Amino acid sequence: MSNENRRRAVSAREMVDPEPNPSDERNVNHRRATLVGGAVGLALLLGGTGAVASMVHGAKERLEHPAATAPQAVAVADDAEAPYCTPAFKQVLQRVLNACGLVGAEQRRGCQPADVKTFASITDDDFNALFTPLKDRGAVLMFDDNSDVLDTGAKKLLDERWQDRKGARYFFVVARASRDGTVEGNRALSHKRANSVLFHLKESFQDPDLDNQVGLLWLGSEYAQLSNAYCEWPSSREGKRCTPEAINRSAFASWVDCRL
């Protein structure tokens, strides 16, 4: 084969199967990387947009329908608790504890009638529903007319009830005054009676946590007058004639066995 023919054959092979150019391969790889990166970025953008849209929609639903999305705190009866610790009882108990400073407060403040009605939103029926079941745990501390002095029998019964805690957390003292006299005078008298109970417990037991356990309610004469059914409670004057008037110038005290 002549030299001319050999040159023509080599040129033909180069046209059919040219030698790879490294520069061309780098360009191709760069274009592929660019396409892949763009696709990934687009996917992330679309996913992020969808997530934001979902969050916005969820927030809109919560604002427009708060009751449907907000978790509901439901009181539940515990088998280990006293039978009277029903969900309805616990709901009223929680309102009293919040209103009277025993939950989330640095110190005890107690409740007077306006507090119970305004902050605890307790009706006369609620009041009776809350305290009537405590008969077997409670005691009626009797006072003389227009007096806030605890006699020997009242102190003895109060001490017995306080020492019979049985793991309970709250001790309620509910002081009353009869309908004789003015509303303001009876409210002040019932406050003094409640404080007499508190001061006796402090002096007798020196419990540093007592203020976080004792809830005072001084309800005067204008709130939820009690019937003579409370004469069946253990009383500091057992054997003496019991009347609604006597019951409503007393203080009754009880541990509450429910857990919240």
Protein backbone atom coordinates (compact mmCIF):
# COMPACT_ATOMS: atom_id res chain seq x y z
CA MET A 1 0.00 0.00 0.00
CA SER A 2 1.35 3.39 -0.93
CA ASN A 3 2.06 6.00 1.67
CA GLU A 4 -0.83 8.11 0.36
CA ASN A 5 -3.28 5.24 0.76
CA ARG A 6 -2.10 4.55 4.33
CA ARG A 7 -2.66 8.22 5.30
CA ARG A 8 -6.17 8.06 3.86
CA ALA A 9 -6.97 4.88 5.89
CA VAL A 10 -5.74 6.42 9.15
CA SER A 11 -7.81 9.58 8.53
CA ALA A 12 -10.91 7.44 7.88
CA ARG A 13 -10.46 5.57 11.20
CA GLU A 14 -10.03 8.82 13.06
CA MET A 15 -13.30 10.12 11.60
CA VAL A 16 -15.16 6.94 12.60
CA ASP A 17 -13.60 6.49 16.08
CA PRO A 18 -11.89 9.72 17.10
CA GLU A 19 -9.68 9.68 20.21
CA PRO A 20 -11.54 10.97 23.32
CA ASN A 21 -10.87 14.54 24.36
CA PRO A 22 -10.48 14.93 28.21
CA SER A 23 -11.79 18.47 28.03
CA ASP A 24 -15.03 17.29 26.39
CA GLU A 25 -15.60 14.67 29.14
CA ARG A 26 -15.24 17.30 31.87
CA ASN A 27 -17.83 19.48 30.17
CA VAL A 28 -20.27 16.57 29.94
CA ASN A 29 -19.81 15.68 33.62
CA HIS A 30 -20.26 19.30 34.63
CA ARG A 31 -23.53 19.51 32.69
CA ARG A 32 -24.77 16.29 34.30
CA ALA A 33 -23.88 17.53 37.82
CA THR A 34 -25.65 20.80 37.10
CA LEU A 35 -28.82 18.97 35.98
CA VAL A 36 -28.79 16.65 39.02
CA GLY A 37 -28.20 19.54 41.45
CA GLY A 38 -31.01 21.52 39.89
CA ALA A 39 -33.39 18.58 40.20
CA VAL A 40 -32.51 18.06 43.87
CA GLY A 41 -32.90 21.76 44.63
CA LEU A 42 -36.29 21.82 42.93
CA ALA A 43 -37.43 18.81 44.96
CA LEU A 44 -36.30 20.43 48.22
CA LEU A 45 -38.02 23.68 47.29
CA LEU A 46 -41.27 21.90 46.51
CA GLY A 47 -41.07 19.85 49.71
CA GLY A 48 -40.34 22.92 51.83
CA THR A 49 -43.18 24.82 50.22
CA GLY A 50 -45.55 21.93 50.95
CA ALA A 51 -44.43 21.76 54.59
CA VAL A 52 -44.91 25.49 55.10
CA ALA A 53 -48.34 25.30 53.47
CA SER A 54 -49.26 22.42 55.78
CA MET A 55 -48.15 24.33 58.89
CA VAL A 56 -50.03 27.44 57.82
CA HIS A 57 -53.15 25.39 57.18
CA GLY A 58 -52.82 23.69 60.58
CA ALA A 59 -52.40 27.03 62.35
CA LYS A 60 -55.44 28.39 60.53
CA GLU A 61 -57.49 25.36 61.65
CA ARG A 62 -56.39 25.80 65.28
CA LEU A 63 -57.32 29.46 65.25
CA GLU A 64 -60.70 28.90 63.64
CA HIS A 65 -61.57 25.75 65.60
CA PRO A 66 -59.69 25.90 68.93
CA ALA A 67 -62.06 23.51 70.74
CA ALA A 68 -61.50 20.80 68.14
CA THR A 69 -57.69 20.89 68.39
CA ALA A 70 -56.98 21.83 72.02
CA PRO A 71 -56.34 18.90 74.38
CA GLN A 72 -58.99 18.52 77.05
CA ALA A 73 -57.97 17.97 80.68
CA VAL A 74 -60.36 15.35 81.97
CA ALA A 75 -60.63 14.42 85.63
CA VAL A 76 -60.44 10.67 86.10
CA ALA A 77 -61.42 8.65 89.13
CA ASP A 78 -58.66 6.44 90.55
CA ASP A 79 -59.50 3.00 91.93
CA ALA A 80 -57.08 3.63 94.81
CA GLU A 81 -58.94 6.76 95.93
CA ALA A 82 -62.01 7.17 98.13
CA PRO A 83 -65.33 6.39 96.40
CA TYR A 84 -66.41 10.04 96.53
CA CYS A 85 -63.48 11.08 94.29
CA THR A 86 -65.57 11.09 91.13
CA PRO A 87 -64.62 13.17 88.07
CA ALA A 88 -67.37 15.70 88.89
CA PHE A 89 -66.14 15.99 92.50
CA LYS A 90 -62.57 16.52 91.31
CA GLN A 91 -63.59 19.30 88.93
CA VAL A 92 -65.23 21.27 91.76
CA LEU A 93 -62.29 20.49 94.05
CA GLN A 94 -59.83 21.82 91.48
CA ARG A 95 -61.75 25.09 91.17
CA VAL A 96 -61.73 25.56 94.95
CA LEU A 97 -58.01 24.79 95.21
CA ASN A 98 -57.20 27.29 92.45
CA ALA A 99 -59.43 30.00 93.90
CA CYS A 100 -58.23 29.59 97.47
CA GLY A 101 -54.51 29.74 96.73
CA LEU A 102 -53.56 26.10 97.31
CA VAL A 103 -52.39 25.51 93.74
CA GLY A 104 -49.71 27.60 92.03
CA ALA A 105 -49.45 30.12 94.85
CA GLU A 106 -46.55 30.95 97.12
CA GLN A 107 -48.68 31.29 100.23
CA ARG A 108 -52.17 30.56 101.46
CA ARG A 109 -54.74 33.30 101.11
CA GLY A 110 -58.07 31.53 101.67
CA CYS A 111 -61.51 32.23 100.26
CA GLN A 112 -64.42 34.40 101.21
CA PRO A 113 -67.88 34.21 99.57
CA ALA A 114 -67.02 36.55 96.68
CA ASP A 115 -63.92 34.51 95.87
CA VAL A 116 -65.80 31.24 95.86
CA LYS A 117 -68.51 32.55 93.57
CA THR A 118 -66.28 34.61 91.26
CA PHE A 119 -63.05 32.65 91.01
CA ALA A 120 -64.19 29.11 91.78
CA SER A 121 -67.59 29.54 90.08
CA ILE A 122 -69.23 27.36 92.74
CA THR A 123 -72.96 27.42 93.32
CA ASP A 124 -74.68 26.41 96.53
CA ASP A 125 -75.32 22.99 94.98
CA ASP A 126 -71.63 22.66 94.05
CA PHE A 127 -70.68 23.53 97.60
CA ASN A 128 -72.88 20.84 99.10
CA ALA A 129 -71.74 18.35 96.45
CA LEU A 130 -68.13 19.05 97.43
CA PHE A 131 -68.37 18.86 101.21
CA THR A 132 -71.24 16.47 101.92
CA PRO A 133 -69.21 13.35 100.90
CA LEU A 134 -66.52 14.21 103.46
CA LYS A 135 -68.67 13.22 106.44
CA ASP A 136 -66.57 10.20 107.47
CA ARG A 137 -63.32 12.20 107.22
CA GLY A 138 -64.54 15.46 108.65
CA ALA A 139 -65.66 17.04 111.90
CA VAL A 140 -67.92 19.89 112.96
CA LEU A 141 -66.23 22.27 115.38
CA MET A 142 -68.91 24.09 117.32
CA PHE A 143 -68.64 27.69 118.59
CA ASP A 144 -70.69 29.69 121.03
CA ASP A 145 -72.81 32.47 119.61
CA ASN A 146 -70.66 35.47 118.54
CA SER A 147 -67.49 33.63 119.63
CA ASP A 148 -64.42 32.49 117.73
CA VAL A 149 -62.87 30.56 120.63
CA LEU A 150 -62.22 26.83 120.21
CA ASP A 151 -63.26 25.00 123.37
CA THR A 152 -61.54 21.89 124.72
CA GLY A 153 -63.81 19.49 122.81
CA ALA A 154 -63.23 21.31 119.52
CA LYS A 155 -59.45 21.27 119.97
CA LYS A 156 -59.44 17.55 120.80
CA LEU A 157 -61.55 16.62 117.75
CA LEU A 158 -59.50 18.90 115.48
CA ASP A 159 -56.25 17.28 116.63
CA GLU A 160 -57.68 13.82 115.98
CA ARG A 161 -58.75 14.75 112.46
CA TRP A 162 -55.41 16.38 111.61
CA GLN A 163 -53.46 13.31 112.74
CA ASP A 164 -55.73 11.02 110.72
CA ARG A 165 -54.23 12.22 107.45
CA LYS A 166 -53.86 8.83 105.68
CA GLY A 167 -51.74 10.31 102.89
CA ALA A 168 -54.23 13.05 101.93
CA ARG A 169 -52.81 16.29 100.58
CA TYR A 170 -55.40 18.98 101.40
CA PHE A 171 -57.15 19.86 104.65
CA PHE A 172 -60.20 22.08 104.29
CA VAL A 173 -61.51 24.36 107.02
CA VAL A 174 -64.89 25.92 106.25
CA ALA A 175 -66.08 28.45 108.81
CA ARG A 176 -69.62 29.78 109.01
CA ALA A 177 -71.72 32.30 110.90
CA SER A 178 -75.46 32.24 111.58
CA ARG A 179 -77.83 34.73 109.97
CA ASP A 180 -78.03 36.89 113.10
CA GLY A 181 -76.33 40.25 112.67
CA THR A 182 -75.02 41.99 109.55
CA VAL A 183 -73.52 40.37 106.48
CA GLU A 184 -70.19 42.11 107.08
CA GLY A 185 -70.16 41.19 110.77
CA ASN A 186 -70.90 37.55 110.09
CA ARG A 187 -68.25 37.37 107.39
CA ALA A 188 -65.65 38.83 109.80
CA LEU A 189 -66.74 36.41 112.53
CA SER A 190 -66.45 33.40 110.21
CA HIS A 191 -62.96 34.59 109.20
CA LYS A 192 -61.91 34.70 112.85
CA ARG A 193 -63.27 31.20 113.39
CA ALA A 194 -61.30 29.88 110.42
CA ASN A 195 -58.16 31.53 111.74
CA SER A 196 -58.74 30.03 115.19
CA VAL A 197 -58.57 26.59 113.61
CA LEU A 198 -55.45 27.46 111.61
CA PHE A 199 -53.63 29.03 114.57
CA HIS A 200 -54.37 26.01 116.77
CA LEU A 201 -52.96 23.62 114.14
CA LYS A 202 -49.82 25.74 113.80
CA GLU A 203 -49.25 25.93 117.54
CA SER A 204 -49.95 22.25 118.13
CA PHE A 205 -48.08 20.60 115.27
CA GLN A 206 -45.35 23.02 114.12
CA ASP A 207 -45.64 21.72 110.54
CA PRO A 208 -43.54 23.90 108.17
CA ASP A 209 -45.66 22.82 105.20
CA LEU A 210 -48.99 23.53 106.88
CA ASP A 211 -49.83 26.61 104.83
CA ASN A 212 -49.62 24.51 101.67
CA GLN A 213 -52.02 21.94 103.08
CA VAL A 214 -54.73 23.92 104.84
CA GLY A 215 -57.34 25.68 102.73
CA LEU A 216 -59.47 28.22 104.57
CA LEU A 217 -62.95 29.24 103.50
CA TRP A 218 -64.81 31.80 105.61
CA LEU A 219 -68.29 32.01 104.18
CA GLY A 220 -70.20 34.15 106.65
CA SER A 221 -73.95 33.64 106.54
CA GLU A 222 -74.76 34.48 102.92
CA TYR A 223 -73.39 31.42 101.17
CA ALA A 224 -74.81 27.90 101.03
CA GLN A 225 -76.47 27.68 104.44
CA LEU A 226 -76.21 24.16 105.76
CA SER A 227 -79.11 21.95 106.75
CA ASN A 228 -79.41 19.88 109.92
CA ALA A 229 -78.14 16.89 107.89
CA TYR A 230 -74.71 18.09 108.99
CA CYS A 231 -75.75 17.33 112.56
CA GLU A 232 -74.92 13.71 111.65
CA TRP A 233 -71.25 14.59 111.23
CA PRO A 234 -68.86 13.91 114.13
CA SER A 235 -69.21 16.97 116.35
CA SER A 236 -67.17 18.58 119.09
CA ARG A 237 -70.37 18.74 121.16
CA GLU A 238 -71.74 15.25 120.79
CA GLY A 239 -74.91 14.63 122.73
CA LYS A 240 -75.96 18.28 122.75
CA ARG A 241 -78.91 19.56 120.78
CA CYS A 242 -77.95 20.30 117.19
CA THR A 243 -79.86 22.77 115.03
CA PRO A 244 -79.24 24.40 111.62
CA GLU A 245 -78.42 27.62 113.47
CA ALA A 246 -75.73 25.86 115.50
CA ILE A 247 -74.31 24.15 112.42
CA ASN A 248 -74.09 27.49 110.61
CA ARG A 249 -72.01 29.11 113.34
CA SER A 250 -69.41 26.33 113.27
CA ALA A 251 -66.35 25.38 111.32
CA PHE A 252 -66.05 22.00 109.72
CA ALA A 253 -62.72 20.48 108.87
CA SER A 254 -61.69 17.51 106.77
CA TRP A 255 -58.86 15.96 104.84
CA VAL A 256 -59.65 15.40 101.14
CA ASP A 257 -58.35 12.08 99.83
CA CYS A 258 -58.55 12.77 96.10
CA ARG A 259 -55.49 13.13 93.85
CA LEU A 260 -55.49 15.70 91.07
